[in-house]
Amino acid sequence: MKTTKKEQFIQDSTQNINSKVILGLRMPDNTKEIIINDNVKNKIDYVVGKYDDDLKMNGAPIFIEEYLFVKA
């Protein structure tokens, strides 16, 4: 079975000790927003709760197009 984008995000988050996560979001007006967060666990929990398997925010036309975990 193919891994969903959300499953891959979760798997990637557990590979190393991470000090930051960077998210590239596609906003409703088609602009890109970059978020840098140093509370990695809380951001992962937020994404898992608020985004579907394709990393589209539930109830809003916002997508996580790319992400990067920065090692400690």
N, C-alpha and C. Protein backbone atom coordinates (compact mmCIF):
# COMPACT_ATOMS: atom_id res chain seq x y z
N MET A 1 0.85 -1.18 0.00
CA MET A 1 0.00 0.00 0.00
C MET A 1 0.89 1.25 0.00
N LYS A 2 0.49 2.25 -0.76
CA LYS A 2 1.26 3.47 -0.87
C LYS A 2 1.13 4.34 0.39
N THR A 3 2.24 4.91 0.81
CA THR A 3 2.26 5.80 1.97
C THR A 3 1.64 7.13 1.61
N THR A 4 0.77 7.64 2.48
CA THR A 4 0.18 8.96 2.23
C THR A 4 1.20 10.04 2.57
N LYS A 5 0.93 11.24 2.11
CA LYS A 5 1.82 12.37 2.43
C LYS A 5 1.88 12.61 3.94
N LYS A 6 0.74 12.45 4.59
CA LYS A 6 0.69 12.64 6.04
C LYS A 6 1.51 11.57 6.76
N GLU A 7 1.39 10.31 6.33
CA GLU A 7 2.18 9.24 6.92
C GLU A 7 3.68 9.48 6.71
N GLN A 8 4.04 9.97 5.52
CA GLN A 8 5.45 10.25 5.24
C GLN A 8 5.96 11.38 6.13
N PHE A 9 5.12 12.42 6.33
CA PHE A 9 5.47 13.53 7.22
C PHE A 9 5.75 13.00 8.63
N ILE A 10 4.87 12.14 9.13
CA ILE A 10 5.04 11.58 10.48
C ILE A 10 6.31 10.74 10.54
N GLN A 11 6.51 9.90 9.52
CA GLN A 11 7.71 9.06 9.49
C GLN A 11 8.97 9.92 9.46
N ASP A 12 9.00 10.94 8.62
CA ASP A 12 10.16 11.82 8.52
C ASP A 12 10.44 12.53 9.84
N SER A 13 9.38 12.84 10.58
CA SER A 13 9.55 13.57 11.83
C SER A 13 10.21 12.73 12.90
N THR A 14 10.18 11.42 12.76
CA THR A 14 10.72 10.55 13.79
C THR A 14 12.12 10.04 13.46
N GLN A 15 12.68 10.45 12.35
CA GLN A 15 13.98 9.93 11.90
C GLN A 15 15.15 10.44 12.73
N ASN A 16 15.08 11.65 13.21
CA ASN A 16 16.19 12.27 13.92
C ASN A 16 15.66 13.13 15.05
N ILE A 17 16.59 13.59 15.88
CA ILE A 17 16.22 14.60 16.87
C ILE A 17 16.21 15.93 16.14
N ASN A 18 15.04 16.53 16.09
CA ASN A 18 14.86 17.75 15.31
C ASN A 18 14.68 18.95 16.22
N SER A 19 15.30 20.06 15.84
CA SER A 19 15.17 21.27 16.63
C SER A 19 14.19 22.26 16.00
N LYS A 20 13.92 22.08 14.70
CA LYS A 20 12.99 22.98 14.00
C LYS A 20 12.30 22.23 12.88
N VAL A 21 11.10 22.70 12.53
CA VAL A 21 10.42 22.23 11.33
C VAL A 21 10.08 23.46 10.49
N ILE A 22 10.31 23.35 9.20
CA ILE A 22 9.98 24.42 8.26
C ILE A 22 8.90 23.90 7.33
N LEU A 23 7.81 24.64 7.24
CA LEU A 23 6.69 24.25 6.39
C LEU A 23 6.50 25.27 5.28
N GLY A 24 6.33 24.80 4.07
CA GLY A 24 5.98 25.64 2.93
C GLY A 24 4.51 25.43 2.62
N LEU A 25 3.70 26.44 2.91
CA LEU A 25 2.25 26.34 2.73
C LEU A 25 1.80 27.09 1.48
N ARG A 26 0.87 26.48 0.73
CA ARG A 26 0.22 27.17 -0.39
C ARG A 26 -1.09 27.71 0.15
N MET A 27 -1.22 29.02 0.11
CA MET A 27 -2.37 29.71 0.69
C MET A 27 -3.52 29.83 -0.32
N PRO A 28 -4.72 30.19 0.13
CA PRO A 28 -5.87 30.28 -0.77
C PRO A 28 -5.69 31.26 -1.93
N ASP A 29 -4.88 32.30 -1.75
CA ASP A 29 -4.66 33.27 -2.83
C ASP A 29 -3.48 32.86 -3.72
N ASN A 30 -3.04 31.60 -3.57
CA ASN A 30 -1.96 30.99 -4.36
C ASN A 30 -0.57 31.50 -4.02
N THR A 31 -0.43 32.22 -2.92
CA THR A 31 0.90 32.64 -2.47
C THR A 31 1.49 31.55 -1.59
N LYS A 32 2.80 31.60 -1.41
CA LYS A 32 3.50 30.63 -0.57
C LYS A 32 3.84 31.30 0.75
N GLU A 33 3.59 30.60 1.84
CA GLU A 33 3.93 31.08 3.17
C GLU A 33 4.90 30.08 3.78
N ILE A 34 5.96 30.57 4.38
CA ILE A 34 6.95 29.73 5.03
C ILE A 34 6.81 29.91 6.54
N ILE A 35 6.70 28.79 7.24
CA ILE A 35 6.61 28.80 8.69
C ILE A 35 7.81 28.06 9.25
N ILE A 36 8.49 28.67 10.21
CA ILE A 36 9.58 28.03 10.92
C ILE A 36 9.15 27.90 12.37
N ASN A 37 9.17 26.69 12.88
CA ASN A 37 8.69 26.46 14.24
C ASN A 37 9.71 25.64 15.01
N ASP A 38 10.05 26.07 16.22
CA ASP A 38 11.02 25.33 17.01
C ASP A 38 10.38 24.42 18.06
N ASN A 39 9.07 24.37 18.08
CA ASN A 39 8.36 23.42 18.94
C ASN A 39 7.86 22.29 18.04
N VAL A 40 8.78 21.41 17.67
CA VAL A 40 8.52 20.41 16.63
C VAL A 40 7.38 19.47 17.04
N LYS A 41 7.39 18.97 18.24
CA LYS A 41 6.34 18.04 18.66
C LYS A 41 4.96 18.66 18.56
N ASN A 42 4.80 19.89 19.04
CA ASN A 42 3.50 20.55 18.96
C ASN A 42 3.07 20.78 17.52
N LYS A 43 4.01 21.15 16.64
CA LYS A 43 3.66 21.40 15.24
C LYS A 43 3.26 20.09 14.55
N ILE A 44 3.96 19.00 14.86
CA ILE A 44 3.59 17.71 14.29
C ILE A 44 2.19 17.32 14.75
N ASP A 45 1.92 17.46 16.03
CA ASP A 45 0.59 17.15 16.56
C ASP A 45 -0.48 18.01 15.89
N TYR A 46 -0.17 19.28 15.67
CA TYR A 46 -1.11 20.19 15.00
C TYR A 46 -1.39 19.71 13.58
N VAL A 47 -0.35 19.40 12.83
CA VAL A 47 -0.52 18.94 11.45
C VAL A 47 -1.34 17.65 11.41
N VAL A 48 -1.02 16.71 12.28
CA VAL A 48 -1.74 15.44 12.31
C VAL A 48 -3.22 15.66 12.59
N GLY A 49 -3.54 16.61 13.47
CA GLY A 49 -4.94 16.87 13.82
C GLY A 49 -5.71 17.72 12.83
N LYS A 50 -5.02 18.61 12.11
CA LYS A 50 -5.70 19.60 11.28
C LYS A 50 -5.64 19.34 9.77
N TYR A 51 -4.76 18.42 9.34
CA TYR A 51 -4.55 18.19 7.91
C TYR A 51 -4.95 16.77 7.53
N ASP A 52 -5.44 16.62 6.29
CA ASP A 52 -5.83 15.29 5.81
C ASP A 52 -4.63 14.53 5.28
N ASP A 53 -4.87 13.35 4.68
CA ASP A 53 -3.79 12.50 4.21
C ASP A 53 -2.96 13.11 3.08
N ASP A 54 -3.53 14.10 2.37
CA ASP A 54 -2.81 14.79 1.30
C ASP A 54 -2.16 16.09 1.79
N LEU A 55 -2.15 16.29 3.10
CA LEU A 55 -1.62 17.50 3.74
C LEU A 55 -2.37 18.76 3.31
N LYS A 56 -3.69 18.62 3.12
CA LYS A 56 -4.59 19.75 2.91
C LYS A 56 -5.29 20.01 4.24
N MET A 57 -5.32 21.28 4.64
CA MET A 57 -5.97 21.62 5.91
C MET A 57 -7.46 21.30 5.83
N ASN A 58 -7.96 20.63 6.86
CA ASN A 58 -9.39 20.33 6.93
C ASN A 58 -10.19 21.63 7.02
N GLY A 59 -11.12 21.83 6.09
CA GLY A 59 -11.99 22.99 6.12
C GLY A 59 -11.41 24.26 5.53
N ALA A 60 -10.22 24.19 4.94
CA ALA A 60 -9.61 25.39 4.36
C ALA A 60 -8.74 24.98 3.16
N PRO A 61 -8.68 25.84 2.15
CA PRO A 61 -7.86 25.52 0.97
C PRO A 61 -6.37 25.87 1.16
N ILE A 62 -5.78 25.30 2.18
CA ILE A 62 -4.37 25.51 2.50
C ILE A 62 -3.69 24.15 2.44
N PHE A 63 -2.56 24.08 1.74
CA PHE A 63 -1.82 22.83 1.56
C PHE A 63 -0.39 22.97 2.06
N ILE A 64 0.12 21.92 2.68
CA ILE A 64 1.55 21.85 2.95
C ILE A 64 2.18 21.27 1.70
N GLU A 65 2.94 22.10 0.98
CA GLU A 65 3.57 21.65 -0.26
C GLU A 65 4.94 21.04 0.00
N GLU A 66 5.61 21.53 1.03
CA GLU A 66 6.95 21.02 1.33
C GLU A 66 7.24 21.24 2.80
N TYR A 67 8.15 20.44 3.30
CA TYR A 67 8.56 20.57 4.69
C TYR A 67 10.00 20.13 4.83
N LEU A 68 10.62 20.61 5.89
CA LEU A 68 11.99 20.24 6.19
C LEU A 68 12.17 20.18 7.69
N PHE A 69 12.73 19.09 8.16
CA PHE A 69 13.08 18.98 9.57
C PHE A 69 14.56 19.31 9.71
N VAL A 70 14.88 20.21 10.63
CA VAL A 70 16.25 20.63 10.86
C VAL A 70 16.76 19.91 12.09
N LYS A 71 17.86 19.21 11.94
CA LYS A 71 18.42 18.44 13.04
C LYS A 71 19.03 19.35 14.10
N ALA A 72 19.01 18.86 15.32
CA ALA A 72 19.58 19.61 16.44
C ALA A 72 21.09 19.66 16.33
